[in-house]
PDB file of all heavy atoms in Angstrom:
ATOM      1  N   LEU A   1       0.850  -1.161  -0.040  1.00  0.00           N
ATOM      2  CA  LEU A   1       0.049  -0.041  -0.019  1.00  0.00           C
ATOM      3  C   LEU A   1       0.823   1.283   0.048  1.00  0.00           C
ATOM      4  O   LEU A   1       0.486   2.292  -0.577  1.00  0.00           O
ATOM      5  CB  LEU A   1      -0.895  -0.007   1.251  1.00  0.00           C
ATOM      6  CG  LEU A   1      -2.140  -0.945   1.328  1.00  0.00           C
ATOM      7  CD1 LEU A   1      -2.781  -0.892   2.651  1.00  0.00           C
ATOM      8  CD2 LEU A   1      -3.125  -0.672   0.177  1.00  0.00           C
ATOM      9  N   SER A   2       1.987   1.220   0.762  1.00  0.00           N
ATOM     10  CA  SER A   2       2.839   2.445   0.812  1.00  0.00           C
ATOM     11  C   SER A   2       3.736   2.620  -0.262  1.00  0.00           C
ATOM     12  O   SER A   2       4.470   3.609  -0.302  1.00  0.00           O
ATOM     13  CB  SER A   2       3.658   2.287   2.172  1.00  0.00           C
ATOM     14  OG  SER A   2       4.497   1.142   2.099  1.00  0.00           O
ATOM     15  N   LEU A   3       3.783   1.867  -1.241  1.00  0.00           N
ATOM     16  CA  LEU A   3       4.652   1.924  -2.411  1.00  0.00           C
ATOM     17  C   LEU A   3       4.278   3.154  -3.267  1.00  0.00           C
ATOM     18  O   LEU A   3       3.069   3.307  -3.645  1.00  0.00           O
ATOM     19  CB  LEU A   3       4.624   0.667  -3.337  1.00  0.00           C
ATOM     20  CG  LEU A   3       5.543   0.622  -4.522  1.00  0.00           C
ATOM     21  CD1 LEU A   3       6.983   0.631  -4.025  1.00  0.00           C
ATOM     22  CD2 LEU A   3       5.245  -0.527  -5.396  1.00  0.00           C
ATOM     23  N   ASP A   4       5.081   4.077  -3.517  1.00  0.00           N
ATOM     24  CA  ASP A   4       4.858   5.338  -4.242  1.00  0.00           C
ATOM     25  C   ASP A   4       5.163   5.020  -5.676  1.00  0.00           C
ATOM     26  O   ASP A   4       6.343   5.161  -6.071  1.00  0.00           O
ATOM     27  CB  ASP A   4       5.602   6.505  -3.569  1.00  0.00           C
ATOM     28  CG  ASP A   4       5.144   7.855  -4.150  1.00  0.00           C
ATOM     29  OD1 ASP A   4       4.486   7.826  -5.218  1.00  0.00           O
ATOM     30  OD2 ASP A   4       5.390   8.731  -3.463  1.00  0.00           O
ATOM     31  N   LEU A   5       4.197   4.884  -6.506  1.00  0.00           N
ATOM     32  CA  LEU A   5       4.466   4.646  -7.853  1.00  0.00           C
ATOM     33  C   LEU A   5       5.044   5.796  -8.639  1.00  0.00           C
ATOM     34  O   LEU A   5       5.754   5.640  -9.601  1.00  0.00           O
ATOM     35  CB  LEU A   5       3.131   4.089  -8.638  1.00  0.00           C
ATOM     36  CG  LEU A   5       2.554   2.774  -8.162  1.00  0.00           C
ATOM     37  CD1 LEU A   5       1.367   2.451  -8.966  1.00  0.00           C
ATOM     38  CD2 LEU A   5       3.700   1.699  -8.378  1.00  0.00           C
ATOM     39  N   GLU A   6       4.704   6.990  -8.130  1.00  0.00           N
ATOM     40  CA  GLU A   6       5.230   8.222  -8.764  1.00  0.00           C
ATOM     41  C   GLU A   6       6.753   8.293  -8.651  1.00  0.00           C
ATOM     42  O   GLU A   6       7.446   8.663  -9.613  1.00  0.00           O
ATOM     43  CB  GLU A   6       4.566   9.451  -8.233  1.00  0.00           C
ATOM     44  CG  GLU A   6       4.987  10.791  -8.873  1.00  0.00           C
ATOM     45  CD  GLU A   6       4.276  11.985  -8.309  1.00  0.00           C
ATOM     46  OE1 GLU A   6       3.336  11.819  -7.489  1.00  0.00           O
ATOM     47  OE2 GLU A   6       4.662  13.119  -8.690  1.00  0.00           O
ATOM     48  N   VAL A   7       7.249   7.949  -7.499  1.00  0.00           N
ATOM     49  CA  VAL A   7       8.634   7.900  -7.195  1.00  0.00           C
ATOM     50  C   VAL A   7       9.242   6.849  -8.079  1.00  0.00           C
ATOM     51  O   VAL A   7      10.551   7.105  -8.705  1.00  0.00           O
ATOM     52  CB  VAL A   7       8.955   7.589  -5.632  1.00  0.00           C
ATOM     53  CG1 VAL A   7      10.456   7.454  -5.547  1.00  0.00           C
ATOM     54  CG2 VAL A   7       8.416   8.726  -4.855  1.00  0.00           C
ATOM     55  N   VAL A   8       8.580   5.749  -8.274  1.00  0.00           N
ATOM     56  CA  VAL A   8       9.087   4.651  -9.070  1.00  0.00           C
ATOM     57  C   VAL A   8       9.231   5.054 -10.554  1.00  0.00           C
ATOM     58  O   VAL A   8      10.301   4.859 -11.117  1.00  0.00           O
ATOM     59  CB  VAL A   8       8.195   3.312  -8.992  1.00  0.00           C
ATOM     60  CG1 VAL A   8       8.706   2.347  -9.976  1.00  0.00           C
ATOM     61  CG2 VAL A   8       8.209   2.864  -7.605  1.00  0.00           C
ATOM     62  N   THR A   9       8.186   5.775 -11.077  1.00  0.00           N
ATOM     63  CA  THR A   9       8.333   6.121 -12.499  1.00  0.00           C
ATOM     64  C   THR A   9       9.383   7.316 -12.709  1.00  0.00           C
ATOM     65  O   THR A   9      10.004   7.351 -13.713  1.00  0.00           O
ATOM     66  CB  THR A   9       6.945   6.667 -12.897  1.00  0.00           C
ATOM     67  OG1 THR A   9       6.478   7.762 -12.044  1.00  0.00           O
ATOM     68  CG2 THR A   9       5.991   5.626 -12.935  1.00  0.00           C
ATOM     69  N   LYS A  10       9.558   8.204 -11.725  1.00  0.00           N
ATOM     70  CA  LYS A  10      10.531   9.254 -11.869  1.00  0.00           C
ATOM     71  C   LYS A  10      11.946   8.737 -11.717  1.00  0.00           C
ATOM     72  O   LYS A  10      12.861   9.361 -12.267  1.00  0.00           O
ATOM     73  CB  LYS A  10      10.171  10.373 -10.892  1.00  0.00           C
ATOM     74  CG  LYS A  10       8.972  11.236 -11.215  1.00  0.00           C
ATOM     75  CD  LYS A  10       8.763  12.233 -10.160  1.00  0.00           C
ATOM     76  CE  LYS A  10       7.582  13.136 -10.508  1.00  0.00           C
ATOM     77  NZ  LYS A  10       7.373  14.237  -9.537  1.00  0.00           N
ATOM     78  N   ASN A  11      12.141   7.642 -10.910  1.00  0.00           N
ATOM     79  CA  ASN A  11      13.569   7.317 -10.638  1.00  0.00           C
ATOM     80  C   ASN A  11      13.826   5.797 -11.004  1.00  0.00           C
ATOM     81  O   ASN A  11      14.538   5.172 -10.380  1.00  0.00           O
ATOM     82  CB  ASN A  11      13.839   7.551  -9.102  1.00  0.00           C
ATOM     83  CG  ASN A  11      13.632   8.877  -8.685  1.00  0.00           C
ATOM     84  OD1 ASN A  11      14.588   9.823  -8.890  1.00  0.00           O
ATOM     85  ND2 ASN A  11      12.487   9.209  -8.123  1.00  0.00           N
ATOM     86  N   TYR A  12      13.063   5.374 -12.053  1.00  0.00           N
ATOM     87  CA  TYR A  12      13.093   3.978 -12.322  1.00  0.00           C
ATOM     88  C   TYR A  12      14.524   3.476 -12.707  1.00  0.00           C
ATOM     89  O   TYR A  12      14.942   2.294 -12.453  1.00  0.00           O
ATOM     90  CB  TYR A  12      12.085   3.630 -13.428  1.00  0.00           C
ATOM     91  CG  TYR A  12      12.414   4.182 -14.802  1.00  0.00           C
ATOM     92  CD1 TYR A  12      13.173   3.367 -15.763  1.00  0.00           C
ATOM     93  CD2 TYR A  12      11.998   5.438 -15.188  1.00  0.00           C
ATOM     94  CE1 TYR A  12      13.468   3.887 -16.944  1.00  0.00           C
ATOM     95  CE2 TYR A  12      12.307   5.849 -16.423  1.00  0.00           C
ATOM     96  CZ  TYR A  12      12.959   5.086 -17.308  1.00  0.00           C
ATOM     97  OH  TYR A  12      13.316   5.657 -18.590  1.00  0.00           O
ATOM     98  N   LEU A  13      15.271   4.377 -13.327  1.00  0.00           N
ATOM     99  CA  LEU A  13      16.669   4.018 -13.642  1.00  0.00           C
ATOM    100  C   LEU A  13      17.526   3.790 -12.469  1.00  0.00           C
ATOM    101  O   LEU A  13      18.329   2.846 -12.377  1.00  0.00           O
ATOM    102  CB  LEU A  13      17.354   5.034 -14.580  1.00  0.00           C
ATOM    103  CG  LEU A  13      16.692   5.138 -15.976  1.00  0.00           C
ATOM    104  CD1 LEU A  13      17.334   6.357 -16.790  1.00  0.00           C
ATOM    105  CD2 LEU A  13      16.898   3.887 -16.707  1.00  0.00           C
ATOM    106  N   ILE A  14      17.455   4.705 -11.525  1.00  0.00           N
ATOM    107  CA  ILE A  14      18.095   4.512 -10.238  1.00  0.00           C
ATOM    108  C   ILE A  14      17.672   3.246  -9.533  1.00  0.00           C
ATOM    109  O   ILE A  14      18.560   2.502  -8.934  1.00  0.00           O
ATOM    110  CB  ILE A  14      17.903   5.754  -9.319  1.00  0.00           C
ATOM    111  CG1 ILE A  14      18.549   7.097  -9.999  1.00  0.00           C
ATOM    112  CG2 ILE A  14      18.646   5.490  -7.930  1.00  0.00           C
ATOM    113  CD1 ILE A  14      18.293   8.264  -9.139  1.00  0.00           C
ATOM    114  N   ILE A  15      16.378   3.001  -9.452  1.00  0.00           N
ATOM    115  CA  ILE A  15      15.838   1.828  -8.849  1.00  0.00           C
ATOM    116  C   ILE A  15      16.429   0.555  -9.515  1.00  0.00           C
ATOM    117  O   ILE A  15      16.715  -0.441  -8.828  1.00  0.00           O
ATOM    118  CB  ILE A  15      14.349   1.879  -8.754  1.00  0.00           C
ATOM    119  CG1 ILE A  15      13.912   3.062  -7.887  1.00  0.00           C
ATOM    120  CG2 ILE A  15      13.797   0.599  -8.209  1.00  0.00           C
ATOM    121  CD1 ILE A  15      12.450   3.340  -7.926  1.00  0.00           C
ATOM    122  N   LEU A  16      16.286   0.535 -10.835  1.00  0.00           N
ATOM    123  CA  LEU A  16      16.792  -0.583 -11.590  1.00  0.00           C
ATOM    124  C   LEU A  16      18.203  -0.935 -11.361  1.00  0.00           C
ATOM    125  O   LEU A  16      18.622  -2.102 -11.334  1.00  0.00           O
ATOM    126  CB  LEU A  16      16.583  -0.415 -13.117  1.00  0.00           C
ATOM    127  CG  LEU A  16      15.062  -0.443 -13.571  1.00  0.00           C
ATOM    128  CD1 LEU A  16      15.033  -0.165 -15.067  1.00  0.00           C
ATOM    129  CD2 LEU A  16      14.519  -1.887 -13.188  1.00  0.00           C
ATOM    130  N   ALA A  17      19.076   0.073 -11.020  1.00  0.00           N
ATOM    131  CA  ALA A  17      20.468  -0.102 -10.748  1.00  0.00           C
ATOM    132  C   ALA A  17      20.671  -0.345  -9.264  1.00  0.00           C
ATOM    133  O   ALA A  17      21.414  -1.245  -8.878  1.00  0.00           O
ATOM    134  CB  ALA A  17      21.350   1.021 -11.185  1.00  0.00           C
ATOM    135  N   ALA A  18      19.888   0.306  -8.418  1.00  0.00           N
ATOM    136  CA  ALA A  18      20.137   0.222  -6.951  1.00  0.00           C
ATOM    137  C   ALA A  18      19.753  -1.091  -6.315  1.00  0.00           C
ATOM    138  O   ALA A  18      20.411  -1.673  -5.510  1.00  0.00           O
ATOM    139  CB  ALA A  18      19.510   1.409  -6.247  1.00  0.00           C
ATOM    140  N   VAL A  19      18.532  -1.569  -6.713  1.00  0.00           N
ATOM    141  CA  VAL A  19      18.032  -2.770  -6.094  1.00  0.00           C
ATOM    142  C   VAL A  19      18.906  -4.006  -6.354  1.00  0.00           C
ATOM    143  O   VAL A  19      19.256  -4.714  -5.455  1.00  0.00           O
ATOM    144  CB  VAL A  19      16.574  -3.080  -6.595  1.00  0.00           C
ATOM    145  CG1 VAL A  19      16.118  -4.393  -6.132  1.00  0.00           C
ATOM    146  CG2 VAL A  19      15.614  -2.028  -6.076  1.00  0.00           C
ATOM    147  N   PRO A  20      19.341  -4.286  -7.624  1.00  0.00           N
ATOM    148  CA  PRO A  20      20.302  -5.437  -7.852  1.00  0.00           C
ATOM    149  C   PRO A  20      21.587  -5.209  -7.183  1.00  0.00           C
ATOM    150  O   PRO A  20      22.167  -6.141  -6.546  1.00  0.00           O
ATOM    151  CB  PRO A  20      20.439  -5.484  -9.356  1.00  0.00           C
ATOM    152  CG  PRO A  20      19.176  -4.753  -9.962  1.00  0.00           C
ATOM    153  CD  PRO A  20      18.868  -3.724  -8.869  1.00  0.00           C
ATOM    154  N   ALA A  21      22.025  -4.010  -7.180  1.00  0.00           N
ATOM    155  CA  ALA A  21      23.379  -3.684  -6.516  1.00  0.00           C
ATOM    156  C   ALA A  21      23.295  -3.958  -4.965  1.00  0.00           C
ATOM    157  O   ALA A  21      24.197  -4.603  -4.427  1.00  0.00           O
ATOM    158  CB  ALA A  21      23.836  -2.226  -6.752  1.00  0.00           C
ATOM    159  N   LEU A  22      22.180  -3.504  -4.389  1.00  0.00           N
ATOM    160  CA  LEU A  22      21.988  -3.753  -2.968  1.00  0.00           C
ATOM    161  C   LEU A  22      21.990  -5.231  -2.659  1.00  0.00           C
ATOM    162  O   LEU A  22      22.727  -5.778  -1.836  1.00  0.00           O
ATOM    163  CB  LEU A  22      20.742  -3.106  -2.472  1.00  0.00           C
ATOM    164  CG  LEU A  22      20.121  -3.482  -1.142  1.00  0.00           C
ATOM    165  CD1 LEU A  22      21.100  -3.087  -0.044  1.00  0.00           C
ATOM    166  CD2 LEU A  22      18.698  -3.004  -0.850  1.00  0.00           C
ATOM    167  N   MET A  23      21.223  -6.041  -3.468  1.00  0.00           N
ATOM    168  CA  MET A  23      21.087  -7.460  -3.192  1.00  0.00           C
ATOM    169  C   MET A  23      22.268  -8.161  -3.438  1.00  0.00           C
ATOM    170  O   MET A  23      22.541  -9.182  -2.755  1.00  0.00           O
ATOM    171  CB  MET A  23      19.777  -8.012  -3.955  1.00  0.00           C
ATOM    172  CG  MET A  23      18.508  -7.244  -3.600  1.00  0.00           C
ATOM    173  SD  MET A  23      17.123  -7.941  -4.484  1.00  0.00           S
ATOM    174  CE  MET A  23      16.774  -9.384  -3.565  1.00  0.00           C
ATOM    175  N   ILE A  24      22.985  -7.836  -4.485  1.00  0.00           N
ATOM    176  CA  ILE A  24      24.235  -8.578  -4.762  1.00  0.00           C
ATOM    177  C   ILE A  24      25.244  -8.269  -3.717  1.00  0.00           C
ATOM    178  O   ILE A  24      25.967  -9.178  -3.302  1.00  0.00           O
ATOM    179  CB  ILE A  24      24.759  -8.121  -6.190  1.00  0.00           C
ATOM    180  CG1 ILE A  24      23.764  -8.665  -7.345  1.00  0.00           C
ATOM    181  CG2 ILE A  24      26.125  -8.644  -6.477  1.00  0.00           C
ATOM    182  CD1 ILE A  24      24.171  -8.134  -8.704  1.00  0.00           C
ATOM    183  N   VAL A  25      25.534  -7.044  -3.328  1.00  0.00           N
ATOM    184  CA  VAL A  25      26.577  -6.658  -2.387  1.00  0.00           C
ATOM    185  C   VAL A  25      26.141  -7.429  -1.016  1.00  0.00           C
ATOM    186  O   VAL A  25      27.172  -7.991  -0.457  1.00  0.00           O
ATOM    187  CB  VAL A  25      26.592  -5.196  -2.116  1.00  0.00           C
ATOM    188  CG1 VAL A  25      27.480  -4.816  -0.864  1.00  0.00           C
ATOM    189  CG2 VAL A  25      27.164  -4.456  -3.339  1.00  0.00           C
ATOM    190  N   LYS A  26      24.995  -7.352  -0.543  1.00  0.00           N
ATOM    191  CA  LYS A  26      24.657  -8.038   0.672  1.00  0.00           C
ATOM    192  C   LYS A  26      24.824  -9.494   0.581  1.00  0.00           C
ATOM    193  O   LYS A  26      25.372 -10.146   1.465  1.00  0.00           O
ATOM    194  CB  LYS A  26      23.239  -7.735   1.036  1.00  0.00           C
ATOM    195  CG  LYS A  26      23.097  -6.255   1.554  1.00  0.00           C
ATOM    196  CD  LYS A  26      21.712  -5.955   2.054  1.00  0.00           C
ATOM    197  CE  LYS A  26      21.385  -6.542   3.348  1.00  0.00           C
ATOM    198  NZ  LYS A  26      20.135  -6.121   3.932  1.00  0.00           N
ATOM    199  N   SER A  27      24.457 -10.159  -0.537  1.00  0.00           N
ATOM    200  CA  SER A  27      24.507 -11.533  -0.697  1.00  0.00           C
ATOM    201  C   SER A  27      25.985 -12.083  -0.711  1.00  0.00           C
ATOM    202  O   SER A  27      26.392 -13.034  -0.005  1.00  0.00           O
ATOM    203  CB  SER A  27      23.890 -12.048  -1.897  1.00  0.00           C
ATOM    204  OG  SER A  27      22.490 -11.701  -1.947  1.00  0.00           O
ATOM    205  N   VAL A  28      26.890 -11.323  -1.430  1.00  0.00           N
ATOM    206  CA  VAL A  28      28.251 -11.707  -1.514  1.00  0.00           C
ATOM    207  C   VAL A  28      28.899 -11.589  -0.172  1.00  0.00           C
ATOM    208  O   VAL A  28      29.630 -12.562   0.359  1.00  0.00           O
ATOM    209  CB  VAL A  28      29.011 -10.785  -2.445  1.00  0.00           C
ATOM    210  CG1 VAL A  28      30.473 -11.022  -2.364  1.00  0.00           C
ATOM    211  CG2 VAL A  28      28.472 -11.115  -3.934  1.00  0.00           C
ATOM    212  N   ILE A  29      28.692 -10.528   0.671  1.00  0.00           N
ATOM    213  CA  ILE A  29      29.274 -10.245   1.938  1.00  0.00           C
ATOM    214  C   ILE A  29      28.742 -11.371   2.924  1.00  0.00           C
ATOM    215  O   ILE A  29      29.584 -11.910   3.723  1.00  0.00           O
ATOM    216  CB  ILE A  29      29.126  -8.876   2.471  1.00  0.00           C
ATOM    217  CG1 ILE A  29      29.827  -7.905   1.619  1.00  0.00           C
ATOM    218  CG2 ILE A  29      29.512  -8.774   3.967  1.00  0.00           C
ATOM    219  CD1 ILE A  29      29.548  -6.459   1.976  1.00  0.00           C
ATOM    220  N   ILE A  30      27.455 -11.671   2.910  1.00  0.00           N
ATOM    221  CA  ILE A  30      26.891 -12.658   3.782  1.00  0.00           C
ATOM    222  C   ILE A  30      27.375 -14.053   3.598  1.00  0.00           C
ATOM    223  O   ILE A  30      27.666 -14.839   4.338  1.00  0.00           O
ATOM    224  CB  ILE A  30      25.417 -12.601   3.811  1.00  0.00           C
ATOM    225  CG1 ILE A  30      24.846 -11.298   4.422  1.00  0.00           C
ATOM    226  CG2 ILE A  30      24.716 -13.659   4.622  1.00  0.00           C
ATOM    227  CD1 ILE A  30      23.369 -11.082   4.248  1.00  0.00           C
ATOM    228  N   PHE A  31      27.520 -14.341   2.245  1.00  0.00           N
ATOM    229  CA  PHE A  31      28.082 -15.631   1.868  1.00  0.00           C
ATOM    230  C   PHE A  31      29.426 -15.924   2.301  1.00  0.00           C
ATOM    231  O   PHE A  31      29.804 -16.916   2.881  1.00  0.00           O
ATOM    232  CB  PHE A  31      27.913 -15.891   0.271  1.00  0.00           C
ATOM    233  CG  PHE A  31      28.524 -17.132  -0.131  1.00  0.00           C
ATOM    234  CD1 PHE A  31      27.893 -18.314  -0.037  1.00  0.00           C
ATOM    235  CD2 PHE A  31      29.793 -17.170  -0.783  1.00  0.00           C
ATOM    236  CE1 PHE A  31      28.399 -19.538  -0.476  1.00  0.00           C
ATOM    237  CE2 PHE A  31      30.334 -18.317  -1.231  1.00  0.00           C
ATOM    238  CZ  PHE A  31      29.642 -19.478  -1.046  1.00  0.00           C
ATOM    239  N   ALA A  32      30.340 -14.810   2.078  1.00  0.00           N
ATOM    240  CA  ALA A  32      31.670 -14.909   2.461  1.00  0.00           C
ATOM    241  C   ALA A  32      31.780 -15.059   3.951  1.00  0.00           C
ATOM    242  O   ALA A  32      32.610 -15.798   4.492  1.00  0.00           O
ATOM    243  CB  ALA A  32      32.478 -13.692   2.094  1.00  0.00           C
TER     244      ALA A  32
END
């Protein structure tokens, strides 16, 4: 419900880059 679709549409490029980067960095560090 709290997802702001307007923020998503305005910053979709940042989100497309930030979400995978966040999940990859955390996964690699936790696995190590």
